[in-house]
Amino acid sequence: MSKLWYKLVRLYVKLGLRSYFQKTQVFGLENIPKNHAILFVGNHRNGLIDPIMIATTNPNIHLFLTRASAFKNKIADVLLRSINMIPIYRIRDGIDRIEKNHAIFEACHHEFEKNGTVLIFPEGNHGLPRRVRQLTKGFARIAFGYFDNYPNAKLYIVPVGINYTNMQKKGSAVAVYYGKPISVRDYYKPNDDKKAIDSIKEKVSDSLKELTTQIDDLENHDKIERVLVENGIDFLNPIDANKKIDEIDNWDIPISAPTHKDSFYQNSIRFLFNLNSLLPILLWRSLKDKPKDIVLIPTFLFGLSLGLLPLYYLLISAAISCFINSYWGFVYFIGSVLLVLLYKNSIYTDSLTTNIPN
């Protein structure tokens, strides 16, 4: 029953993503080893949308490690665990909580023993800048701990790079890159644990940096990003983006502010969508400042869109069916779904992650 529930949720969320992002691209699925234990390691910029993107582009992930703070709410705890997410604790969660990770690591090893797969985000947090932050050593301890218990086993790490044009806005685009597998055994040194951890952290970090755009100069991050946008860089192609970053020596070149004027069609679609979704939009505007972390706003918006809009349209459709007839109720619901898709495709979204959504 749990597997069926997970598949249904995955299908529903996947359909929801089609109405949220204008375009989703997936590369490198052929790099994933067949019938082997795998630890997927992803970069982390966009809250819960990051694991959702990997889960919906790769059907073979059995366990998701998610930061423990996401499980504080009892309802969230039940829901997240029902879709194979389990908490992993960080030092900031308290030393007493860290000890709970032993059971989490054992759960991962149990999956590996069955040639199962686990997903983890070793940066430990998320952030707007287009870069891979320093990796924590938790993923390495999980991987090497498996070899401590099963010396003759095989385990691969597959790095996953997630690239957004503008993750802060609905209607943007995303590309997911699955990198070349890394054999954990090649880095396993039971007699020199520190060297082994440092080596595999460096290898995985370098791999993630190849699969994502890297703007390491945080002080000038926004300026560099704007220059790249001015040069027409496609952030869905990290190879070209990183090459351009290496080529440009002067980031002080004059740039023009991106300008865009919506067409009559775009304005008309937006007006019809807003009119048809008035109550959910008003609710969103009243709640959008609730997340203290602005990086979680897209997750918050996606969650509301996924749960609230379909329910709202179904209620209106049911009311039309009761007071008029079921035919027009059905027409209204289908029309509303089509309007959502038209609205998504009519949105203009630039590629500046420093923008805050309205």
Protein backbone atom coordinates (compact mmCIF):
# COMPACT_ATOMS: atom_id res chain seq x y z
CA MET A 1 0.00 0.00 0.00
CA SER A 2 2.85 2.40 0.85
CA LYS A 3 4.42 1.85 -2.58
CA LEU A 4 1.11 2.59 -4.29
CA TRP A 5 0.67 5.75 -2.21
CA TYR A 6 4.18 6.91 -3.12
CA LYS A 7 3.57 6.29 -6.82
CA LEU A 8 0.27 8.19 -6.73
CA VAL A 9 1.85 11.14 -4.91
CA ARG A 10 4.79 11.10 -7.32
CA LEU A 11 2.45 11.14 -10.34
CA TYR A 12 0.36 13.96 -8.90
CA VAL A 13 3.41 16.05 -8.01
CA LYS A 14 4.91 15.42 -11.45
CA LEU A 15 1.74 16.75 -13.07
CA GLY A 16 1.90 19.73 -10.72
CA LEU A 17 5.45 20.50 -11.80
CA ARG A 18 4.29 20.63 -15.41
CA SER A 19 1.99 23.49 -14.46
CA TYR A 20 4.68 25.21 -12.37
CA PHE A 21 7.75 25.16 -14.63
CA GLN A 22 7.65 26.17 -18.28
CA LYS A 23 10.29 23.61 -19.19
CA THR A 24 12.04 20.68 -17.50
CA GLN A 25 15.07 18.99 -19.04
CA VAL A 26 16.85 15.85 -17.80
CA PHE A 27 20.34 14.75 -18.81
CA GLY A 28 22.60 11.83 -17.92
CA LEU A 29 20.11 9.18 -16.82
CA GLU A 30 22.30 6.70 -18.68
CA ASN A 31 25.02 7.38 -16.06
CA ILE A 32 23.01 5.67 -13.33
CA PRO A 33 24.37 2.13 -12.70
CA LYS A 34 21.81 -0.64 -13.05
CA ASN A 35 21.09 -3.03 -10.17
CA HIS A 36 23.58 -1.46 -7.76
CA ALA A 37 23.37 0.37 -4.47
CA ILE A 38 23.52 4.12 -5.15
CA LEU A 39 23.85 7.23 -3.02
CA PHE A 40 22.54 10.17 -5.04
CA VAL A 41 24.15 13.45 -3.96
CA GLY A 42 22.52 16.68 -5.12
CA ASN A 43 23.26 20.40 -4.92
CA HIS A 44 20.72 22.29 -2.85
CA ARG A 45 19.32 25.73 -3.69
CA ASN A 46 15.53 25.45 -3.74
CA GLY A 47 14.05 23.99 -0.55
CA LEU A 48 11.82 20.93 -0.93
CA ILE A 49 11.52 21.51 -4.68
CA ASP A 50 15.05 20.09 -5.14
CA PRO A 51 14.23 16.57 -3.88
CA ILE A 52 10.91 16.74 -5.72
CA MET A 53 12.75 17.49 -8.98
CA ILE A 54 15.02 14.47 -8.52
CA ALA A 55 12.20 12.19 -7.39
CA THR A 56 10.08 13.03 -10.43
CA THR A 57 12.93 12.67 -12.94
CA ASN A 58 14.28 9.45 -11.44
CA PRO A 59 11.75 6.78 -10.38
CA ASN A 60 14.34 4.58 -8.67
CA ILE A 61 15.01 6.49 -5.44
CA HIS A 62 13.87 4.58 -2.36
CA LEU A 63 14.86 6.85 0.53
CA PHE A 64 15.21 10.64 0.84
CA LEU A 65 17.28 12.22 3.62
CA THR A 66 15.78 15.59 4.56
CA ARG A 67 16.85 18.09 7.19
CA ALA A 68 15.16 17.37 10.50
CA SER A 69 13.61 20.84 10.84
CA ALA A 70 11.13 19.96 8.07
CA PHE A 71 9.60 17.31 10.37
CA LYS A 72 8.78 19.58 13.33
CA ASN A 73 5.10 19.83 12.43
CA LYS A 74 3.26 16.56 13.20
CA ILE A 75 1.27 16.66 9.97
CA ALA A 76 4.42 17.34 7.95
CA ASP A 77 6.18 14.50 9.77
CA VAL A 78 3.49 11.99 8.83
CA LEU A 79 3.24 13.24 5.24
CA LEU A 80 7.00 13.33 4.59
CA ARG A 81 7.58 9.87 6.06
CA SER A 82 4.73 8.50 3.95
CA ILE A 83 6.68 9.44 0.80
CA ASN A 84 9.95 7.85 1.97
CA MET A 85 11.54 10.96 3.48
CA ILE A 86 13.36 10.57 6.81
CA PRO A 87 15.09 13.25 8.92
CA ILE A 88 18.83 13.69 9.16
CA TYR A 89 20.18 15.77 12.01
CA ARG A 90 22.86 18.47 11.94
CA ILE A 91 25.01 19.89 14.73
CA ARG A 92 22.75 22.93 14.89
CA ASP A 93 19.89 20.56 15.81
CA GLY A 94 21.71 19.66 19.04
CA ILE A 95 24.28 17.06 20.08
CA ASP A 96 21.60 14.82 21.55
CA ARG A 97 19.80 14.80 18.19
CA ILE A 98 22.97 13.92 16.27
CA GLU A 99 22.99 10.53 17.99
CA LYS A 100 19.71 9.75 16.21
CA ASN A 101 21.63 9.71 12.94
CA HIS A 102 23.00 6.27 13.81
CA ALA A 103 19.54 4.80 13.17
CA ILE A 104 19.24 6.85 9.97
CA PHE A 105 22.59 5.57 8.72
CA GLU A 106 21.51 2.00 9.44
CA ALA A 107 18.33 2.56 7.43
CA CYS A 108 20.49 3.72 4.50
CA HIS A 109 22.76 0.68 4.82
CA HIS A 110 19.69 -1.56 4.81
CA GLU A 111 18.61 0.01 1.51
CA PHE A 112 22.09 -0.42 0.04
CA GLU A 113 22.11 -4.07 1.08
CA LYS A 114 19.04 -4.54 -1.14
CA ASN A 115 20.72 -2.62 -4.01
CA GLY A 116 18.45 0.27 -3.06
CA THR A 117 19.06 3.99 -3.53
CA VAL A 118 19.27 6.96 -1.18
CA LEU A 119 19.23 10.71 -1.90
CA ILE A 120 21.05 13.28 0.23
CA PHE A 121 21.93 16.99 -0.07
CA PRO A 122 25.32 17.31 1.66
CA GLU A 123 25.52 21.11 1.62
CA GLY A 124 23.31 20.94 4.69
CA ASN A 125 21.26 24.01 3.79
CA HIS A 126 20.04 25.92 0.77
CA GLY A 127 20.68 29.37 -0.69
CA LEU A 128 20.07 31.69 -3.62
CA PRO A 129 23.65 32.06 -4.99
CA ARG A 130 24.53 29.97 -8.02
CA ARG A 131 27.30 27.89 -6.45
CA VAL A 132 27.99 24.67 -4.61
CA ARG A 133 28.71 25.38 -0.96
CA GLN A 134 31.10 23.41 1.24
CA LEU A 135 29.91 19.83 1.67
CA THR A 136 29.33 18.29 5.07
CA LYS A 137 30.82 14.87 5.76
CA GLY A 138 27.55 13.08 6.55
CA PHE A 139 27.24 11.50 3.10
CA ALA A 140 30.81 10.19 3.33
CA ARG A 141 30.16 8.66 6.75
CA ILE A 142 27.04 6.95 5.39
CA ALA A 143 28.98 5.57 2.41
CA PHE A 144 32.09 4.42 4.31
CA GLY A 145 30.01 3.10 7.19
CA TYR A 146 28.35 0.76 4.72
CA PHE A 147 31.75 -0.72 3.78
CA ASP A 148 32.63 -1.08 7.47
CA ASN A 149 29.62 -3.37 7.83
CA TYR A 150 29.74 -4.98 4.37
CA PRO A 151 33.41 -5.12 3.25
CA ASN A 152 32.69 -6.92 -0.04
CA ALA A 153 29.80 -4.71 -1.13
CA LYS A 154 29.58 -2.28 -4.03
CA LEU A 155 28.30 1.26 -3.70
CA TYR A 156 28.26 4.17 -6.15
CA ILE A 157 27.73 7.88 -5.64
CA VAL A 158 25.91 9.65 -8.48
CA PRO A 159 26.17 13.47 -8.32
CA VAL A 160 23.05 15.40 -9.38
CA GLY A 161 23.15 19.03 -10.50
CA ILE A 162 19.88 21.01 -10.50
CA ASN A 163 19.88 24.23 -12.52
CA TYR A 164 17.10 26.85 -12.52
CA THR A 165 16.74 29.88 -14.74
CA ASN A 166 15.09 31.70 -11.84
CA MET A 167 14.05 29.46 -8.98
CA GLN A 168 12.29 32.33 -7.22
CA LYS A 169 9.52 32.57 -9.79
CA LYS A 170 6.75 30.37 -11.10
CA GLY A 171 7.03 29.77 -14.84
CA SER A 172 10.82 29.43 -14.95
CA ALA A 173 12.73 26.45 -16.34
CA VAL A 174 14.89 23.75 -14.79
CA ALA A 175 17.49 21.24 -15.98
CA VAL A 176 18.61 18.20 -13.97
CA TYR A 177 22.01 16.64 -14.74
CA TYR A 178 23.00 13.17 -13.52
CA GLY A 179 26.79 12.90 -13.48
CA LYS A 180 29.22 10.03 -13.88
CA PRO A 181 29.06 7.42 -11.08
CA ILE A 182 31.81 7.46 -8.45
CA SER A 183 32.90 4.13 -6.97
CA VAL A 184 33.01 4.58 -3.19
CA ARG A 185 35.43 1.66 -2.82
CA ASP A 186 38.09 3.66 -4.69
CA TYR A 187 38.10 6.19 -1.83
CA TYR A 188 37.55 3.87 1.12
CA LYS A 189 40.55 3.88 3.49
CA PRO A 190 39.61 2.19 6.80
CA ASN A 191 43.01 3.07 8.29
CA ASP A 192 42.85 6.77 7.37
CA ASP A 193 39.28 7.93 7.80
CA LYS A 194 40.05 11.66 7.55
CA LYS A 195 41.95 11.36 4.29
CA ALA A 196 39.20 9.18 2.81
CA ILE A 197 36.47 11.66 3.78
CA ASP A 198 38.43 14.66 2.48
CA SER A 199 39.17 12.89 -0.81
CA ILE A 200 35.61 11.85 -1.55
CA LYS A 201 34.23 15.25 -0.48
CA GLU A 202 36.59 16.93 -2.94
CA LYS A 203 35.65 14.52 -5.75
CA VAL A 204 31.91 14.91 -5.22
CA SER A 205 32.19 18.69 -4.85
CA ASP A 206 34.15 18.97 -8.10
CA SER A 207 31.56 16.80 -9.88
CA LEU A 208 28.66 18.95 -8.62
CA LYS A 209 30.47 22.11 -9.73
CA GLU A 210 30.71 20.70 -13.25
CA LEU A 211 26.95 20.04 -13.27
CA THR A 212 25.90 23.48 -11.99
CA THR A 213 26.76 27.12 -12.62
CA GLN A 214 29.51 28.32 -10.26
CA ILE A 215 29.68 31.97 -9.20
CA ASP A 216 32.14 31.73 -6.31
CA ASP A 217 32.62 35.49 -5.90
CA LEU A 218 29.77 36.15 -3.47
CA GLU A 219 30.62 39.83 -3.09
CA ASN A 220 30.04 40.39 -6.83
CA HIS A 221 27.59 37.54 -7.36
CA ASP A 222 24.66 39.72 -8.46
CA LYS A 223 26.81 41.76 -10.82
CA ILE A 224 28.31 38.63 -12.41
CA GLU A 225 24.86 37.10 -12.78
CA ARG A 226 23.54 40.22 -14.53
CA VAL A 227 26.50 40.31 -16.92
CA LEU A 228 25.92 36.66 -17.77
CA VAL A 229 22.24 37.38 -18.43
CA GLU A 230 23.26 40.34 -20.61
CA ASN A 231 25.51 37.98 -22.58
CA GLY A 232 22.62 35.61 -23.19
CA ILE A 233 23.94 32.77 -21.04
CA ASP A 234 21.57 29.85 -20.62
CA PHE A 235 21.77 28.79 -16.97
CA LEU A 236 20.28 25.44 -17.97
CA ASN A 237 23.65 24.71 -19.59
CA PRO A 238 26.22 24.87 -16.77
CA ILE A 239 29.13 23.91 -19.03
CA ASP A 240 28.67 27.00 -21.20
CA ALA A 241 27.90 29.19 -18.20
CA ASN A 242 31.05 28.16 -16.34
CA LYS A 243 33.14 28.55 -19.47
CA LYS A 244 31.84 32.11 -19.87
CA ILE A 245 32.63 32.88 -16.23
CA ASP A 246 36.24 31.76 -16.82
CA GLU A 247 36.53 33.83 -20.02
CA ILE A 248 35.25 37.19 -18.74
CA ASP A 249 37.94 39.23 -16.97
CA ASN A 250 36.09 42.48 -16.37
CA TRP A 251 32.76 42.32 -14.59
CA ASP A 252 32.47 46.11 -14.47
CA ILE A 253 31.37 46.43 -18.10
CA PRO A 254 28.22 48.57 -18.51
CA ILE A 255 25.05 46.56 -18.72
CA SER A 256 21.52 47.58 -19.50
CA ALA A 257 18.72 46.67 -17.14
CA PRO A 258 16.61 43.83 -18.60
CA THR A 259 13.36 45.23 -19.95
CA HIS A 260 10.24 43.41 -20.94
CA LYS A 261 6.70 44.44 -21.76
CA ASP A 262 3.93 41.87 -21.64
CA SER A 263 1.79 41.48 -24.75
CA PHE A 264 -1.97 41.90 -24.87
CA TYR A 265 -2.27 38.10 -24.94
CA GLN A 266 -0.14 37.70 -21.81
CA ASN A 267 -2.09 40.37 -19.95
CA SER A 268 -5.40 38.81 -21.01
CA ILE A 269 -4.39 35.33 -19.84
CA ARG A 270 -3.14 36.74 -16.55
CA PHE A 271 -6.39 38.65 -16.00
CA LEU A 272 -8.52 35.56 -16.68
CA PHE A 273 -6.37 33.38 -14.44
CA ASN A 274 -6.45 35.88 -11.58
CA LEU A 275 -10.21 36.30 -11.92
CA ASN A 276 -10.80 32.55 -11.96
CA SER A 277 -8.42 31.94 -9.03
CA LEU A 278 -9.23 35.00 -6.95
CA LEU A 279 -9.71 33.37 -3.54
CA PRO A 280 -6.56 31.15 -3.69
CA ILE A 281 -4.53 34.16 -4.84
CA LEU A 282 -5.84 36.29 -1.97
CA LEU A 283 -4.96 33.48 0.42
CA TRP A 284 -1.47 33.24 -1.08
CA ARG A 285 -0.91 36.97 -0.69
CA SER A 286 -1.95 36.79 2.96
CA LEU A 287 0.42 33.90 3.66
CA LYS A 288 3.41 34.57 1.37
CA ASP A 289 5.38 36.34 4.10
CA LYS A 290 5.03 33.42 6.52
CA PRO A 291 8.28 31.65 5.52
CA LYS A 292 11.15 33.43 7.28
CA ASP A 293 13.58 31.99 4.76
CA ILE A 294 12.89 33.52 1.31
CA VAL A 295 14.36 30.42 -0.34
CA LEU A 296 11.35 28.49 0.97
CA ILE A 297 8.85 30.82 -0.73
CA PRO A 298 8.87 28.81 -4.02
CA THR A 299 8.27 25.59 -2.03
CA PHE A 300 5.44 27.32 -0.17
CA LEU A 301 3.90 28.61 -3.43
CA PHE A 302 4.23 25.23 -5.13
CA GLY A 303 2.62 23.47 -2.18
CA LEU A 304 -0.32 25.86 -2.13
CA SER A 305 -0.73 25.60 -5.90
CA LEU A 306 -0.59 21.82 -5.77
CA GLY A 307 -3.10 21.47 -2.96
CA LEU A 308 -5.31 24.54 -3.08
CA LEU A 309 -5.95 25.32 -6.76
CA PRO A 310 -7.28 21.86 -7.79
CA LEU A 311 -9.47 21.73 -4.67
CA TYR A 312 -10.83 25.20 -5.36
CA TYR A 313 -11.62 24.35 -8.98
CA LEU A 314 -13.27 21.08 -7.91
CA LEU A 315 -15.50 22.91 -5.40
CA ILE A 316 -16.56 25.48 -8.00
CA SER A 317 -17.14 22.68 -10.51
CA ALA A 318 -19.28 20.79 -7.96
CA ALA A 319 -21.31 23.93 -7.28
CA ILE A 320 -21.92 24.47 -11.01
CA SER A 321 -22.91 20.81 -11.35
CA CYS A 322 -25.44 21.15 -8.51
CA PHE A 323 -27.01 24.44 -9.54
CA ILE A 324 -26.76 24.13 -13.35
CA ASN A 325 -25.71 20.68 -14.60
CA SER A 326 -22.74 18.31 -14.52
CA TYR A 327 -21.80 19.01 -18.14
CA TRP A 328 -20.99 22.67 -17.43
CA GLY A 329 -19.30 21.71 -14.18
CA PHE A 330 -16.98 19.40 -16.12
CA VAL A 331 -16.38 22.06 -18.80
CA TYR A 332 -15.47 24.60 -16.09
CA PHE A 333 -12.94 22.27 -14.45
CA ILE A 334 -11.21 21.31 -17.71
CA GLY A 335 -11.21 24.95 -18.79
CA SER A 336 -9.60 25.96 -15.49
CA VAL A 337 -6.84 23.38 -15.89
CA LEU A 338 -6.14 24.58 -19.44
CA LEU A 339 -6.11 28.17 -18.22
CA VAL A 340 -3.44 27.27 -15.64
CA LEU A 341 -1.26 25.83 -18.40
CA LEU A 342 -1.79 28.88 -20.62
CA TYR A 343 -0.96 31.14 -17.69
CA LYS A 344 2.27 29.24 -16.99
CA ASN A 345 3.38 29.52 -20.61
CA SER A 346 2.50 33.24 -20.77
CA ILE A 347 4.69 34.24 -17.82
CA TYR A 348 7.87 36.12 -18.61
CA THR A 349 10.64 35.14 -16.18
CA ASP A 350 14.14 36.58 -16.32
CA SER A 351 17.15 34.69 -15.00
CA LEU A 352 18.08 36.86 -12.02
CA THR A 353 17.86 34.89 -8.79
CA THR A 354 18.13 38.07 -6.76
CA ASN A 355 14.58 38.99 -7.69
CA ILE A 356 12.02 38.47 -4.96
CA PRO A 357 8.66 37.11 -6.15
CA ASN A 358 5.60 39.33 -5.93
